[in-house]
Amino acid sequence: MTQVQKKLSYYEYGATTLYACQYDQRFSYCAYIPKNYEENGSTTYNLAVIVHGTDRPAQKYRDAFADLAEATNTIILAPLFPGGITEPSDLDSYKFIKFEGIHYDRILLAMVEELTAKYRIASNRFLLHGFSGGGHFAHRFFYFHPDRLLGVSIGAPGIITYLDTTKPWYVGVGDLEQQFGVALKLEQMRRVPVQMVIGSEDIDTWEINVKDSPLWMEGLDSFGQTRLDRLRALRDNYEREGISVRYDEVPQVAHEGFKILEPVKQFFANILQDN
């Protein structure tokens, strides 16, 4: 555990304010600190990271996990990756981990380091959940940093990177080393608890089949037109590679991130209990 700084301010307890990431101040984050946190105490805390989707309600996601935080001595970190970073209309760059020279995984890890410098966080491994665009981020982050994860919850991504070495990034992982200089660590990935979660009525296709988009690649729709079809295919893909998956379809829910959180909290609580 890193030596923590002293003299926390009023705004660094409970639901914190938004702070600019010192590694790259274009990006910011907020946190939730459990009520029993004492600056001069000795109790250490778990860490859960919740990544927003395209609509970017980072603070709302932070607040939604406050009950888990209190019940399990867990600090919640909610990053904010603003739109308009690579160009005025950019809404998607963070979802792909690396985009036009920006390494979003490094930015998140820098936020984790900043939080670890302030608070007594027990481990360098953390829980990760993301919904929609955050689900894009979460499953791709898993490919690069399985060693940093206590567990990963992948919520309803629309554009999915499968563990397929015959396809290029980001349809598959065939050129991962050429693109990023790192190899896929399948043995480490198999040791990370994985959840996939989606609403049973998540069938809209208008946002995930835009073939004239500059982000479209051939093969992105190989496993179906809906998020449901594609996530089921990712589950099967992982299991063929020896990665166990807890798969949750929440009844009577469409593409609604705040309505699929109960199974995510159950998944996280089970991991923390086992650890």
C-alpha atoms as a PDB file:
ATOM      1  CA  MET A   1       0.000   0.000   0.000  1.00  0.00           C
ATOM      2  CA  THR A   2       1.306   3.448  -0.947  1.00  0.00           C
ATOM      3  CA  GLN A   3       2.048   5.969   1.819  1.00  0.00           C
ATOM      4  CA  VAL A   4      -0.985   8.245   1.819  1.00  0.00           C
ATOM      5  CA  GLN A   5      -1.016  12.019   2.007  1.00  0.00           C
ATOM      6  CA  LYS A   6      -2.460  13.766   5.060  1.00  0.00           C
ATOM      7  CA  LYS A   7      -4.872  16.656   5.552  1.00  0.00           C
ATOM      8  CA  LEU A   8      -7.869  15.653   3.504  1.00  0.00           C
ATOM      9  CA  SER A   9     -10.330  18.473   2.874  1.00  0.00           C
ATOM     10  CA  TYR A  10     -14.097  18.466   3.411  1.00  0.00           C
ATOM     11  CA  TYR A  11     -14.586  17.788  -0.315  1.00  0.00           C
ATOM     12  CA  GLU A  12     -12.461  14.634  -0.179  1.00  0.00           C
ATOM     13  CA  TYR A  13     -14.917  12.739   2.023  1.00  0.00           C
ATOM     14  CA  GLY A  14     -18.199  11.074   1.078  1.00  0.00           C
ATOM     15  CA  ALA A  15     -19.266  12.012  -2.449  1.00  0.00           C
ATOM     16  CA  THR A  16     -16.235  14.008  -3.530  1.00  0.00           C
ATOM     17  CA  THR A  17     -16.053  16.859  -5.964  1.00  0.00           C
ATOM     18  CA  LEU A  18     -14.658  16.326  -9.466  1.00  0.00           C
ATOM     19  CA  TYR A  19     -10.859  16.492  -9.649  1.00  0.00           C
ATOM     20  CA  ALA A  20      -8.719  16.966 -12.741  1.00  0.00           C
ATOM     21  CA  CYS A  21      -6.384  14.043 -13.348  1.00  0.00           C
ATOM     22  CA  GLN A  22      -2.880  15.396 -12.822  1.00  0.00           C
ATOM     23  CA  TYR A  23      -1.484  13.039 -15.456  1.00  0.00           C
ATOM     24  CA  ASP A  24      -3.687  14.699 -18.092  1.00  0.00           C
ATOM     25  CA  GLN A  25      -5.961  17.495 -16.933  1.00  0.00           C
ATOM     26  CA  ARG A  26      -8.361  17.090 -19.838  1.00  0.00           C
ATOM     27  CA  PHE A  27      -9.811  14.210 -17.831  1.00  0.00           C
ATOM     28  CA  SER A  28     -11.322  14.173 -14.365  1.00  0.00           C
ATOM     29  CA  TYR A  29     -12.799  11.874 -11.763  1.00  0.00           C
ATOM     30  CA  CYS A  30     -14.927  11.809  -8.651  1.00  0.00           C
ATOM     31  CA  ALA A  31     -15.073   9.285  -5.838  1.00  0.00           C
ATOM     32  CA  TYR A  32     -17.204   8.012  -3.008  1.00  0.00           C
ATOM     33  CA  ILE A  33     -15.444   7.482   0.323  1.00  0.00           C
ATOM     34  CA  PRO A  34     -17.288   5.370   2.928  1.00  0.00           C
ATOM     35  CA  LYS A  35     -18.523   7.228   5.996  1.00  0.00           C
ATOM     36  CA  ASN A  36     -16.323   5.207   8.336  1.00  0.00           C
ATOM     37  CA  TYR A  37     -13.114   6.383   6.640  1.00  0.00           C
ATOM     38  CA  GLU A  38     -10.834   8.084   9.164  1.00  0.00           C
ATOM     39  CA  GLU A  39      -7.801   9.963   7.957  1.00  0.00           C
ATOM     40  CA  ASN A  40      -5.666   8.730  10.839  1.00  0.00           C
ATOM     41  CA  GLY A  41      -7.186   5.270  10.956  1.00  0.00           C
ATOM     42  CA  SER A  42      -5.684   1.950   9.916  1.00  0.00           C
ATOM     43  CA  THR A  43      -8.535   0.271   8.030  1.00  0.00           C
ATOM     44  CA  THR A  44      -7.768  -0.385   4.368  1.00  0.00           C
ATOM     45  CA  TYR A  45     -10.360  -0.206   1.605  1.00  0.00           C
ATOM     46  CA  ASN A  46     -11.201  -1.977  -1.623  1.00  0.00           C
ATOM     47  CA  LEU A  47     -11.498  -0.033  -4.877  1.00  0.00           C
ATOM     48  CA  ALA A  48     -14.195  -0.261  -7.553  1.00  0.00           C
ATOM     49  CA  VAL A  49     -14.008   1.722 -10.803  1.00  0.00           C
ATOM     50  CA  ILE A  50     -17.254   2.529 -12.633  1.00  0.00           C
ATOM     51  CA  VAL A  51     -16.902   3.764 -16.226  1.00  0.00           C
ATOM     52  CA  HIS A  52     -19.709   5.786 -17.822  1.00  0.00           C
ATOM     53  CA  GLY A  53     -21.242   5.341 -21.249  1.00  0.00           C
ATOM     54  CA  THR A  54     -21.615   7.882 -24.033  1.00  0.00           C
ATOM     55  CA  ASP A  55     -24.011  10.034 -21.990  1.00  0.00           C
ATOM     56  CA  ARG A  56     -21.296  10.401 -19.316  1.00  0.00           C
ATOM     57  CA  PRO A  57     -23.247  10.476 -16.005  1.00  0.00           C
ATOM     58  CA  ALA A  58     -20.096   9.749 -13.981  1.00  0.00           C
ATOM     59  CA  GLN A  59     -21.326  11.310 -10.737  1.00  0.00           C
ATOM     60  CA  LYS A  60     -24.658   9.511 -10.963  1.00  0.00           C
ATOM     61  CA  TYR A  61     -22.881   6.157 -11.331  1.00  0.00           C
ATOM     62  CA  ARG A  62     -20.667   7.031  -8.375  1.00  0.00           C
ATOM     63  CA  ASP A  63     -23.764   7.736  -6.270  1.00  0.00           C
ATOM     64  CA  ALA A  64     -25.459   4.516  -7.404  1.00  0.00           C
ATOM     65  CA  PHE A  65     -22.635   2.448  -5.875  1.00  0.00           C
ATOM     66  CA  ALA A  66     -22.591   4.256  -2.507  1.00  0.00           C
ATOM     67  CA  ASP A  67     -24.555   1.428  -0.866  1.00  0.00           C
ATOM     68  CA  LEU A  68     -21.983  -1.132  -2.029  1.00  0.00           C
ATOM     69  CA  ALA A  69     -19.221   1.168  -0.792  1.00  0.00           C
ATOM     70  CA  GLU A  70     -20.717   1.368   2.691  1.00  0.00           C
ATOM     71  CA  ALA A  71     -21.496  -2.344   2.922  1.00  0.00           C
ATOM     72  CA  THR A  72     -18.075  -3.576   1.809  1.00  0.00           C
ATOM     73  CA  ASN A  73     -15.543  -0.863   2.786  1.00  0.00           C
ATOM     74  CA  THR A  74     -15.012  -0.007  -0.858  1.00  0.00           C
ATOM     75  CA  ILE A  75     -13.967   3.311  -2.360  1.00  0.00           C
ATOM     76  CA  ILE A  76     -15.720   4.103  -5.647  1.00  0.00           C
ATOM     77  CA  LEU A  77     -13.830   5.845  -8.463  1.00  0.00           C
ATOM     78  CA  ALA A  78     -15.835   7.235 -11.381  1.00  0.00           C
ATOM     79  CA  PRO A  79     -13.707   8.690 -14.193  1.00  0.00           C
ATOM     80  CA  LEU A  80     -15.032  11.310 -16.585  1.00  0.00           C
ATOM     81  CA  PHE A  81     -13.764  11.088 -20.157  1.00  0.00           C
ATOM     82  CA  PRO A  82     -15.336  14.193 -21.755  1.00  0.00           C
ATOM     83  CA  GLY A  83     -16.574  14.360 -25.306  1.00  0.00           C
ATOM     84  CA  GLY A  84     -14.755  16.507 -27.814  1.00  0.00           C
ATOM     85  CA  ILE A  85     -11.229  15.332 -26.994  1.00  0.00           C
ATOM     86  CA  THR A  86      -9.866  14.319 -30.398  1.00  0.00           C
ATOM     87  CA  GLU A  87     -12.256  16.568 -32.328  1.00  0.00           C
ATOM     88  CA  PRO A  88     -15.319  18.644 -31.399  1.00  0.00           C
ATOM     89  CA  SER A  89     -17.764  15.840 -32.221  1.00  0.00           C
ATOM     90  CA  ASP A  90     -15.755  13.015 -30.604  1.00  0.00           C
ATOM     91  CA  LEU A  91     -17.853  10.913 -28.231  1.00  0.00           C
ATOM     92  CA  ASP A  92     -16.154   7.546 -28.591  1.00  0.00           C
ATOM     93  CA  SER A  93     -12.370   7.709 -28.397  1.00  0.00           C
ATOM     94  CA  TYR A  94     -12.071   6.498 -24.784  1.00  0.00           C
ATOM     95  CA  LYS A  95     -13.931   3.292 -25.654  1.00  0.00           C
ATOM     96  CA  PHE A  96     -11.032   1.956 -27.726  1.00  0.00           C
ATOM     97  CA  ILE A  97      -8.282   2.294 -25.065  1.00  0.00           C
ATOM     98  CA  LYS A  98      -5.824   3.912 -27.474  1.00  0.00           C
ATOM     99  CA  PHE A  99      -7.006   6.530 -29.937  1.00  0.00           C
ATOM    100  CA  GLU A 100      -4.947   9.070 -31.875  1.00  0.00           C
ATOM    101  CA  GLY A 101      -2.058   8.753 -29.458  1.00  0.00           C
ATOM    102  CA  ILE A 102      -4.115   8.968 -26.258  1.00  0.00           C
ATOM    103  CA  HIS A 103      -3.781   5.929 -23.985  1.00  0.00           C
ATOM    104  CA  TYR A 104      -6.981   5.914 -21.966  1.00  0.00           C
ATOM    105  CA  ASP A 105      -5.874   2.912 -19.926  1.00  0.00           C
ATOM    106  CA  ARG A 106      -2.883   4.901 -18.686  1.00  0.00           C
ATOM    107  CA  ILE A 107      -5.167   7.785 -17.787  1.00  0.00           C
ATOM    108  CA  LEU A 108      -7.388   5.523 -15.693  1.00  0.00           C
ATOM    109  CA  LEU A 109      -4.383   3.951 -13.980  1.00  0.00           C
ATOM    110  CA  ALA A 110      -3.063   7.443 -13.202  1.00  0.00           C
ATOM    111  CA  MET A 111      -6.403   8.267 -11.560  1.00  0.00           C
ATOM    112  CA  VAL A 112      -6.109   5.091  -9.497  1.00  0.00           C
ATOM    113  CA  GLU A 113      -2.607   6.107  -8.428  1.00  0.00           C
ATOM    114  CA  GLU A 114      -3.811   9.575  -7.414  1.00  0.00           C
ATOM    115  CA  LEU A 115      -6.580   8.060  -5.314  1.00  0.00           C
ATOM    116  CA  THR A 116      -4.162   5.575  -3.765  1.00  0.00           C
ATOM    117  CA  ALA A 117      -1.946   8.490  -2.728  1.00  0.00           C
ATOM    118  CA  LYS A 118      -4.881  10.031  -0.819  1.00  0.00           C
ATOM    119  CA  TYR A 119      -6.583   7.025   0.746  1.00  0.00           C
ATOM    120  CA  ARG A 120      -5.662   3.669   2.263  1.00  0.00           C
ATOM    121  CA  ILE A 121      -6.457   1.359  -0.638  1.00  0.00           C
ATOM    122  CA  ALA A 122      -5.621  -2.238   0.169  1.00  0.00           C
ATOM    123  CA  SER A 123      -4.431  -3.552  -3.185  1.00  0.00           C
ATOM    124  CA  ASN A 124      -3.241  -2.486  -6.606  1.00  0.00           C
ATOM    125  CA  ARG A 125      -6.049  -4.633  -8.030  1.00  0.00           C
ATOM    126  CA  PHE A 126      -9.544  -3.228  -8.372  1.00  0.00           C
ATOM    127  CA  LEU A 127     -13.051  -4.068  -9.535  1.00  0.00           C
ATOM    128  CA  LEU A 128     -14.147  -2.614 -12.884  1.00  0.00           C
ATOM    129  CA  HIS A 129     -17.629  -2.120 -14.322  1.00  0.00           C
ATOM    130  CA  GLY A 130     -18.698  -0.228 -17.405  1.00  0.00           C
ATOM    131  CA  PHE A 131     -22.006   0.005 -19.228  1.00  0.00           C
ATOM    132  CA  SER A 132     -22.489   0.655 -22.965  1.00  0.00           C
ATOM    133  CA  GLY A 133     -19.448   2.766 -23.922  1.00  0.00           C
ATOM    134  CA  GLY A 134     -18.081   1.881 -20.497  1.00  0.00           C
ATOM    135  CA  GLY A 135     -18.552  -1.778 -21.418  1.00  0.00           C
ATOM    136  CA  HIS A 136     -16.439  -1.140 -24.505  1.00  0.00           C
ATOM    137  CA  PHE A 137     -13.729   0.261 -22.253  1.00  0.00           C
ATOM    138  CA  ALA A 138     -14.029  -2.440 -19.583  1.00  0.00           C
ATOM    139  CA  HIS A 139     -13.590  -5.481 -21.810  1.00  0.00           C
ATOM    140  CA  ARG A 140     -10.713  -3.937 -23.742  1.00  0.00           C
ATOM    141  CA  PHE A 141      -8.978  -2.790 -20.536  1.00  0.00           C
ATOM    142  CA  PHE A 142      -9.250  -6.417 -19.391  1.00  0.00           C
ATOM    143  CA  TYR A 143      -7.190  -7.499 -22.403  1.00  0.00           C
ATOM    144  CA  PHE A 144      -4.317  -5.189 -21.488  1.00  0.00           C
ATOM    145  CA  HIS A 145      -4.337  -5.232 -17.687  1.00  0.00           C
ATOM    146  CA  PRO A 146      -5.764  -8.467 -16.250  1.00  0.00           C
ATOM    147  CA  ASP A 147      -3.131  -8.242 -13.523  1.00  0.00           C
ATOM    148  CA  ARG A 148      -4.783  -5.059 -12.187  1.00  0.00           C
ATOM    149  CA  LEU A 149      -8.287  -6.499 -11.894  1.00  0.00           C
ATOM    150  CA  LEU A 150     -10.035  -8.224  -8.991  1.00  0.00           C
ATOM    151  CA  GLY A 151     -12.980  -8.690 -11.337  1.00  0.00           C
ATOM    152  CA  VAL A 152     -14.509  -7.151 -14.443  1.00  0.00           C
ATOM    153  CA  SER A 153     -18.177  -6.545 -15.213  1.00  0.00           C
ATOM    154  CA  ILE A 154     -18.907  -5.911 -18.898  1.00  0.00           C
ATOM    155  CA  GLY A 155     -22.224  -4.161 -19.420  1.00  0.00           C
ATOM    156  CA  ALA A 156     -23.930  -4.172 -22.832  1.00  0.00           C
ATOM    157  CA  PRO A 157     -21.184  -3.008 -25.205  1.00  0.00           C
ATOM    158  CA  GLY A 158     -22.307  -2.560 -28.801  1.00  0.00           C
ATOM    159  CA  ILE A 159     -18.978  -2.776 -30.634  1.00  0.00           C
ATOM    160  CA  ILE A 160     -17.071  -5.767 -29.308  1.00  0.00           C
ATOM    161  CA  THR A 161     -13.490  -6.997 -29.627  1.00  0.00           C
ATOM    162  CA  TYR A 162     -13.514 -10.798 -29.678  1.00  0.00           C
ATOM    163  CA  LEU A 163     -10.585 -13.008 -28.720  1.00  0.00           C
ATOM    164  CA  ASP A 164     -10.010 -13.869 -32.369  1.00  0.00           C
ATOM    165  CA  THR A 165      -6.406 -13.961 -33.558  1.00  0.00           C
ATOM    166  CA  THR A 166      -7.487 -14.089 -37.210  1.00  0.00           C
ATOM    167  CA  LYS A 167      -9.051 -10.601 -37.079  1.00  0.00           C
ATOM    168  CA  PRO A 168      -7.338  -7.217 -36.653  1.00  0.00           C
ATOM    169  CA  TRP A 169      -7.870  -4.865 -33.723  1.00  0.00           C
ATOM    170  CA  TYR A 170     -10.580  -3.925 -32.751  1.00  0.00           C
ATOM    171  CA  VAL A 171     -12.733  -6.630 -34.316  1.00  0.00           C
ATOM    172  CA  GLY A 172     -10.247  -9.167 -32.982  1.00  0.00           C
ATOM    173  CA  VAL A 173      -6.799  -9.318 -31.386  1.00  0.00           C
ATOM    174  CA  GLY A 174      -4.716 -10.650 -34.260  1.00  0.00           C
ATOM    175  CA  ASP A 175      -2.391  -7.645 -34.442  1.00  0.00           C
ATOM    176  CA  LEU A 176      -2.425  -6.684 -30.767  1.00  0.00           C
ATOM    177  CA  GLU A 177       1.357  -6.825 -30.402  1.00  0.00           C
ATOM    178  CA  GLN A 178       1.945  -4.779 -33.556  1.00  0.00           C
ATOM    179  CA  GLN A 179      -0.608  -2.162 -32.507  1.00  0.00           C
ATOM    180  CA  PHE A 180       0.230  -1.898 -28.812  1.00  0.00           C
ATOM    181  CA  GLY A 181       3.500  -3.710 -28.170  1.00  0.00           C
ATOM    182  CA  VAL A 182       1.892  -6.123 -25.703  1.00  0.00           C
ATOM    183  CA  ALA A 183       0.785  -9.722 -25.950  1.00  0.00           C
ATOM    184  CA  LEU A 184      -2.549 -11.090 -24.764  1.00  0.00           C
ATOM    185  CA  LYS A 185      -2.118 -12.655 -21.306  1.00  0.00           C
ATOM    186  CA  LEU A 186      -4.712 -15.414 -21.483  1.00  0.00           C
ATOM    187  CA  GLU A 187      -3.466 -17.264 -18.413  1.00  0.00           C
ATOM    188  CA  GLN A 188      -3.863 -14.126 -16.305  1.00  0.00           C
ATOM    189  CA  MET A 189      -7.246 -13.399 -17.883  1.00  0.00           C
ATOM    190  CA  ARG A 190      -8.510 -16.848 -16.879  1.00  0.00           C
ATOM    191  CA  ARG A 191      -7.836 -15.980 -13.233  1.00  0.00           C
ATOM    192  CA  VAL A 192     -10.027 -12.847 -13.280  1.00  0.00           C
ATOM    193  CA  PRO A 193     -13.732 -13.243 -12.405  1.00  0.00           C
ATOM    194  CA  VAL A 194     -15.808 -11.990 -15.351  1.00  0.00           C
ATOM    195  CA  GLN A 195     -19.416 -10.895 -15.512  1.00  0.00           C
ATOM    196  CA  MET A 196     -21.394  -9.951 -18.597  1.00  0.00           C
ATOM    197  CA  VAL A 197     -24.650  -8.119 -17.920  1.00  0.00           C
ATOM    198  CA  ILE A 198     -27.360  -6.745 -20.192  1.00  0.00           C
ATOM    199  CA  GLY A 199     -31.090  -6.078 -20.277  1.00  0.00           C
ATOM    200  CA  SER A 200     -33.184  -8.798 -21.891  1.00  0.00           C
ATOM    201  CA  GLU A 201     -34.868  -6.162 -24.096  1.00  0.00           C
ATOM    202  CA  ASP A 202     -31.637  -4.472 -25.266  1.00  0.00           C
ATOM    203  CA  ILE A 203     -32.428  -4.885 -28.956  1.00  0.00           C
ATOM    204  CA  ASP A 204     -32.111  -1.404 -30.502  1.00  0.00           C
ATOM    205  CA  THR A 205     -29.563  -1.359 -33.323  1.00  0.00           C
ATOM    206  CA  TRP A 206     -29.509   2.262 -34.526  1.00  0.00           C
ATOM    207  CA  GLU A 207     -26.317   3.191 -32.672  1.00  0.00           C
ATOM    208  CA  ILE A 208     -24.197   0.093 -33.264  1.00  0.00           C
ATOM    209  CA  ASN A 209     -24.605  -0.615 -36.984  1.00  0.00           C
ATOM    210  CA  VAL A 210     -23.568   2.705 -38.535  1.00  0.00           C
ATOM    211  CA  LYS A 211     -21.602   1.392 -41.485  1.00  0.00           C
ATOM    212  CA  ASP A 212     -20.706   4.834 -42.835  1.00  0.00           C
ATOM    213  CA  SER A 213     -19.094   5.779 -39.510  1.00  0.00           C
ATOM    214  CA  PRO A 214     -15.298   6.280 -39.590  1.00  0.00           C
ATOM    215  CA  LEU A 215     -15.156   3.849 -36.654  1.00  0.00           C
ATOM    216  CA  TRP A 216     -16.862   1.007 -38.526  1.00  0.00           C
ATOM    217  CA  MET A 217     -14.789  -2.045 -39.418  1.00  0.00           C
ATOM    218  CA  GLU A 218     -15.716  -5.054 -41.488  1.00  0.00           C
ATOM    219  CA  GLY A 219     -16.734  -7.902 -39.215  1.00  0.00           C
ATOM    220  CA  LEU A 220     -18.157  -5.879 -36.325  1.00  0.00           C
ATOM    221  CA  ASP A 221     -21.596  -7.324 -37.090  1.00  0.00           C
ATOM    222  CA  SER A 222     -20.423 -10.900 -37.665  1.00  0.00           C
ATOM    223  CA  PHE A 223     -22.158 -12.134 -34.513  1.00  0.00           C
ATOM    224  CA  GLY A 224     -25.462 -10.324 -34.890  1.00  0.00           C
ATOM    225  CA  GLN A 225     -27.123  -6.948 -35.114  1.00  0.00           C
ATOM    226  CA  THR A 226     -28.064  -6.404 -31.461  1.00  0.00           C
ATOM    227  CA  ARG A 227     -26.061  -5.957 -28.287  1.00  0.00           C
ATOM    228  CA  LEU A 228     -27.709  -9.112 -26.942  1.00  0.00           C
ATOM    229  CA  ASP A 229     -26.518 -11.224 -29.859  1.00  0.00           C
ATOM    230  CA  ARG A 230     -23.017  -9.820 -29.674  1.00  0.00           C
ATOM    231  CA  LEU A 231     -22.629 -10.172 -25.905  1.00  0.00           C
ATOM    232  CA  ARG A 232     -23.843 -13.768 -26.000  1.00  0.00           C
ATOM    233  CA  ALA A 233     -21.236 -14.400 -28.689  1.00  0.00           C
ATOM    234  CA  LEU A 234     -18.548 -12.796 -26.507  1.00  0.00           C
ATOM    235  CA  ARG A 235     -19.573 -15.042 -23.610  1.00  0.00           C
ATOM    236  CA  ASP A 236     -19.195 -18.095 -25.829  1.00  0.00           C
ATOM    237  CA  ASN A 237     -15.898 -16.761 -27.188  1.00  0.00           C
ATOM    238  CA  TYR A 238     -14.468 -16.310 -23.684  1.00  0.00           C
ATOM    239  CA  GLU A 239     -15.618 -19.717 -22.528  1.00  0.00           C
ATOM    240  CA  ARG A 240     -13.956 -21.392 -25.517  1.00  0.00           C
ATOM    241  CA  GLU A 241     -10.736 -19.710 -24.353  1.00  0.00           C
ATOM    242  CA  GLY A 242     -11.138 -21.064 -20.829  1.00  0.00           C
ATOM    243  CA  ILE A 243     -12.436 -17.823 -19.281  1.00  0.00           C
ATOM    244  CA  SER A 244     -15.396 -18.472 -16.984  1.00  0.00           C
ATOM    245  CA  VAL A 245     -18.254 -15.977 -17.282  1.00  0.00           C
ATOM    246  CA  ARG A 246     -21.140 -15.095 -15.013  1.00  0.00           C
ATOM    247  CA  TYR A 247     -23.805 -14.051 -17.523  1.00  0.00           C
ATOM    248  CA  ASP A 248     -26.803 -11.966 -16.394  1.00  0.00           C
ATOM    249  CA  GLU A 249     -29.752 -10.904 -18.542  1.00  0.00           C
ATOM    250  CA  VAL A 250     -31.977  -8.593 -16.507  1.00  0.00           C
ATOM    251  CA  PRO A 251     -35.660  -9.158 -17.376  1.00  0.00           C
ATOM    252  CA  GLN A 252     -37.753  -6.392 -18.946  1.00  0.00           C
ATOM    253  CA  VAL A 253     -34.835  -3.971 -19.229  1.00  0.00           C
ATOM    254  CA  ALA A 254     -33.659  -2.328 -22.440  1.00  0.00           C
ATOM    255  CA  HIS A 255     -30.412  -0.333 -22.858  1.00  0.00           C
ATOM    256  CA  GLU A 256     -30.698   1.172 -19.378  1.00  0.00           C
ATOM    257  CA  GLY A 257     -27.497   1.150 -17.370  1.00  0.00           C
ATOM    258  CA  PHE A 258     -28.940   2.015 -13.972  1.00  0.00           C
ATOM    259  CA  LYS A 259     -31.430  -0.856 -14.161  1.00  0.00           C
ATOM    260  CA  ILE A 260     -28.783  -3.576 -14.435  1.00  0.00           C
ATOM    261  CA  LEU A 261     -26.713  -2.580 -11.392  1.00  0.00           C
ATOM    262  CA  GLU A 262     -28.086  -5.020  -8.793  1.00  0.00           C
ATOM    263  CA  PRO A 263     -26.430  -8.096 -10.350  1.00  0.00           C
ATOM    264  CA  VAL A 264     -23.238  -6.046 -10.740  1.00  0.00           C
ATOM    265  CA  LYS A 265     -23.245  -5.242  -7.031  1.00  0.00           C
ATOM    266  CA  GLN A 266     -23.918  -8.895  -6.205  1.00  0.00           C
ATOM    267  CA  PHE A 267     -21.009  -9.935  -8.417  1.00  0.00           C
ATOM    268  CA  PHE A 268     -18.682  -7.420  -6.762  1.00  0.00           C
ATOM    269  CA  ALA A 269     -19.821  -8.315  -3.240  1.00  0.00           C
ATOM    270  CA  ASN A 270     -19.202 -12.021  -3.886  1.00  0.00           C
ATOM    271  CA  ILE A 271     -15.669 -11.305  -5.086  1.00  0.00           C
ATOM    272  CA  LEU A 272     -14.909  -9.135  -2.067  1.00  0.00           C
ATOM    273  CA  GLN A 273     -16.293 -11.772   0.281  1.00  0.00           C
ATOM    274  CA  ASP A 274     -14.051 -14.408  -1.301  1.00  0.00           C
ATOM    275  CA  ASN A 275     -11.022 -12.129  -1.008  1.00  0.00           C
END
